[in-house]
Amino acid sequence: MKDIMIGMDRAFTIYILAVSFLTLILFGVDKWKAIHGKWRIRESVLLGLSFIGGAAGGLVAMYLFRHKIRKIRFQIGVPLILL
C-alpha cells in the first residue's frame, strides 16, 4: 500500500509540473502572438490550464513575460486557483 501511495505522489507531482510547464509555455506563446499581431490563445484556455493544475506556471509566466497582469480575471484568478 505504501508503494502505491508513493507512486501516486510521484505521478501527481509529474502531472503538476507538466501542466505548469505547458501553461507557462502557452502564456509565452500568447504574448509572442500578441506582439506580432497573430491569432491569440483564448483566455479560457489559459485559465482552464491554470485550473487543472498549471496555476504555478501561469503565475510565473504572468510576471516573467509581463502578460495578462493588467486583467483582473488573471490578477485575482490565477493566484486564487494556486491556493
C-alpha atoms as a PDB file:
ATOM      1  CA  MET A   1       0.000   0.000   0.000  1.00  0.00           C
ATOM      2  CA  LYS A   2       2.853   2.376   0.849  1.00  0.00           C
ATOM      3  CA  ASP A   3       4.414   1.790  -2.591  1.00  0.00           C
ATOM      4  CA  ILE A   4       1.126   2.672  -4.279  1.00  0.00           C
ATOM      5  CA  MET A   5       0.893   5.939  -2.331  1.00  0.00           C
ATOM      6  CA  ILE A   6       4.476   6.861  -3.222  1.00  0.00           C
ATOM      7  CA  GLY A   7       3.725   6.116  -6.868  1.00  0.00           C
ATOM      8  CA  MET A   8       0.594   8.264  -6.755  1.00  0.00           C
ATOM      9  CA  ASP A   9       2.505  11.132  -5.138  1.00  0.00           C
ATOM     10  CA  ARG A  10       5.162  10.898  -7.828  1.00  0.00           C
ATOM     11  CA  ALA A  11       2.549  10.757 -10.608  1.00  0.00           C
ATOM     12  CA  PHE A  12       0.721  13.772  -9.155  1.00  0.00           C
ATOM     13  CA  THR A  13       3.968  15.750  -8.910  1.00  0.00           C
ATOM     14  CA  ILE A  14       4.880  14.920 -12.504  1.00  0.00           C
ATOM     15  CA  TYR A  15       1.368  15.897 -13.637  1.00  0.00           C
ATOM     16  CA  ILE A  16       1.504  19.286 -11.858  1.00  0.00           C
ATOM     17  CA  LEU A  17       4.976  20.017 -13.227  1.00  0.00           C
ATOM     18  CA  ALA A  18       3.957  19.062 -16.780  1.00  0.00           C
ATOM     19  CA  VAL A  19       0.745  21.126 -16.760  1.00  0.00           C
ATOM     20  CA  SER A  20       2.538  24.079 -15.170  1.00  0.00           C
ATOM     21  CA  PHE A  21       5.273  23.927 -17.799  1.00  0.00           C
ATOM     22  CA  LEU A  22       2.685  23.723 -20.603  1.00  0.00           C
ATOM     23  CA  THR A  23       0.796  26.676 -19.113  1.00  0.00           C
ATOM     24  CA  LEU A  24       3.986  28.733 -18.852  1.00  0.00           C
ATOM     25  CA  ILE A  25       4.866  27.951 -22.483  1.00  0.00           C
ATOM     26  CA  LEU A  26       1.384  28.841 -23.745  1.00  0.00           C
ATOM     27  CA  PHE A  27       1.386  32.148 -21.859  1.00  0.00           C
ATOM     28  CA  GLY A  28       4.705  32.902 -23.569  1.00  0.00           C
ATOM     29  CA  VAL A  29       3.357  31.884 -26.981  1.00  0.00           C
ATOM     30  CA  ASP A  30       0.288  34.064 -26.441  1.00  0.00           C
ATOM     31  CA  LYS A  31       2.495  37.032 -25.524  1.00  0.00           C
ATOM     32  CA  TRP A  32       4.555  36.463 -28.679  1.00  0.00           C
ATOM     33  CA  LYS A  33       1.363  36.286 -30.745  1.00  0.00           C
ATOM     34  CA  ALA A  34       0.087  39.492 -29.143  1.00  0.00           C
ATOM     35  CA  ILE A  35       3.290  41.334 -30.024  1.00  0.00           C
ATOM     36  CA  HIS A  36       3.237  40.073 -33.618  1.00  0.00           C
ATOM     37  CA  GLY A  37      -0.477  40.605 -34.277  1.00  0.00           C
ATOM     38  CA  LYS A  38      -1.270  36.894 -34.712  1.00  0.00           C
ATOM     39  CA  TRP A  39      -4.339  34.901 -33.684  1.00  0.00           C
ATOM     40  CA  ARG A  40      -4.282  34.556 -29.914  1.00  0.00           C
ATOM     41  CA  ILE A  41      -4.811  31.726 -27.460  1.00  0.00           C
ATOM     42  CA  ARG A  42      -8.207  32.065 -25.772  1.00  0.00           C
ATOM     43  CA  GLU A  43      -8.224  33.356 -22.215  1.00  0.00           C
ATOM     44  CA  SER A  44     -10.464  30.430 -21.286  1.00  0.00           C
ATOM     45  CA  VAL A  45      -7.704  28.029 -22.376  1.00  0.00           C
ATOM     46  CA  LEU A  46      -5.082  29.823 -20.282  1.00  0.00           C
ATOM     47  CA  LEU A  47      -7.358  29.973 -17.233  1.00  0.00           C
ATOM     48  CA  GLY A  48      -8.516  26.394 -17.801  1.00  0.00           C
ATOM     49  CA  LEU A  49      -4.942  25.122 -17.822  1.00  0.00           C
ATOM     50  CA  SER A  50      -4.320  27.080 -14.631  1.00  0.00           C
ATOM     51  CA  PHE A  51      -7.399  25.477 -13.088  1.00  0.00           C
ATOM     52  CA  ILE A  52      -6.401  21.894 -13.909  1.00  0.00           C
ATOM     53  CA  GLY A  53      -3.014  22.232 -12.239  1.00  0.00           C
ATOM     54  CA  GLY A  54      -0.990  24.807 -14.130  1.00  0.00           C
ATOM     55  CA  ALA A  55      -1.552  27.812 -11.867  1.00  0.00           C
ATOM     56  CA  ALA A  56       2.062  27.904 -10.684  1.00  0.00           C
ATOM     57  CA  GLY A  57       3.305  28.034 -14.273  1.00  0.00           C
ATOM     58  CA  GLY A  58       0.659  30.597 -15.167  1.00  0.00           C
ATOM     59  CA  LEU A  59       1.619  32.864 -12.293  1.00  0.00           C
ATOM     60  CA  VAL A  60       5.322  32.635 -13.111  1.00  0.00           C
ATOM     61  CA  ALA A  61       4.569  33.326 -16.788  1.00  0.00           C
ATOM     62  CA  MET A  62       2.414  36.352 -15.990  1.00  0.00           C
ATOM     63  CA  TYR A  63       5.357  38.103 -14.390  1.00  0.00           C
ATOM     64  CA  LEU A  64       8.135  36.571 -16.467  1.00  0.00           C
ATOM     65  CA  PHE A  65       6.511  37.655 -19.750  1.00  0.00           C
ATOM     66  CA  ARG A  66       4.606  40.624 -18.262  1.00  0.00           C
ATOM     67  CA  HIS A  67       1.489  39.157 -19.833  1.00  0.00           C
ATOM     68  CA  LYS A  68      -2.112  39.366 -18.623  1.00  0.00           C
ATOM     69  CA  ILE A  69      -1.053  41.204 -15.477  1.00  0.00           C
ATOM     70  CA  ARG A  70      -3.485  44.065 -16.049  1.00  0.00           C
ATOM     71  CA  LYS A  71      -6.511  41.814 -16.438  1.00  0.00           C
ATOM     72  CA  ILE A  72      -8.394  41.458 -13.161  1.00  0.00           C
ATOM     73  CA  ARG A  73      -9.522  37.967 -14.163  1.00  0.00           C
ATOM     74  CA  PHE A  74      -5.878  36.882 -14.217  1.00  0.00           C
ATOM     75  CA  GLN A  75      -4.608  39.113 -11.366  1.00  0.00           C
ATOM     76  CA  ILE A  76      -7.078  37.543  -8.961  1.00  0.00           C
ATOM     77  CA  GLY A  77      -7.977  34.269 -10.647  1.00  0.00           C
ATOM     78  CA  VAL A  78      -4.600  32.618 -11.118  1.00  0.00           C
ATOM     79  CA  PRO A  79      -3.347  33.250  -7.550  1.00  0.00           C
ATOM     80  CA  LEU A  80      -6.686  32.061  -6.132  1.00  0.00           C
ATOM     81  CA  ILE A  81      -6.536  28.916  -8.237  1.00  0.00           C
ATOM     82  CA  LEU A  82      -2.998  28.310  -6.995  1.00  0.00           C
ATOM     83  CA  LEU A  83      -4.179  28.496  -3.380  1.00  0.00           C
END
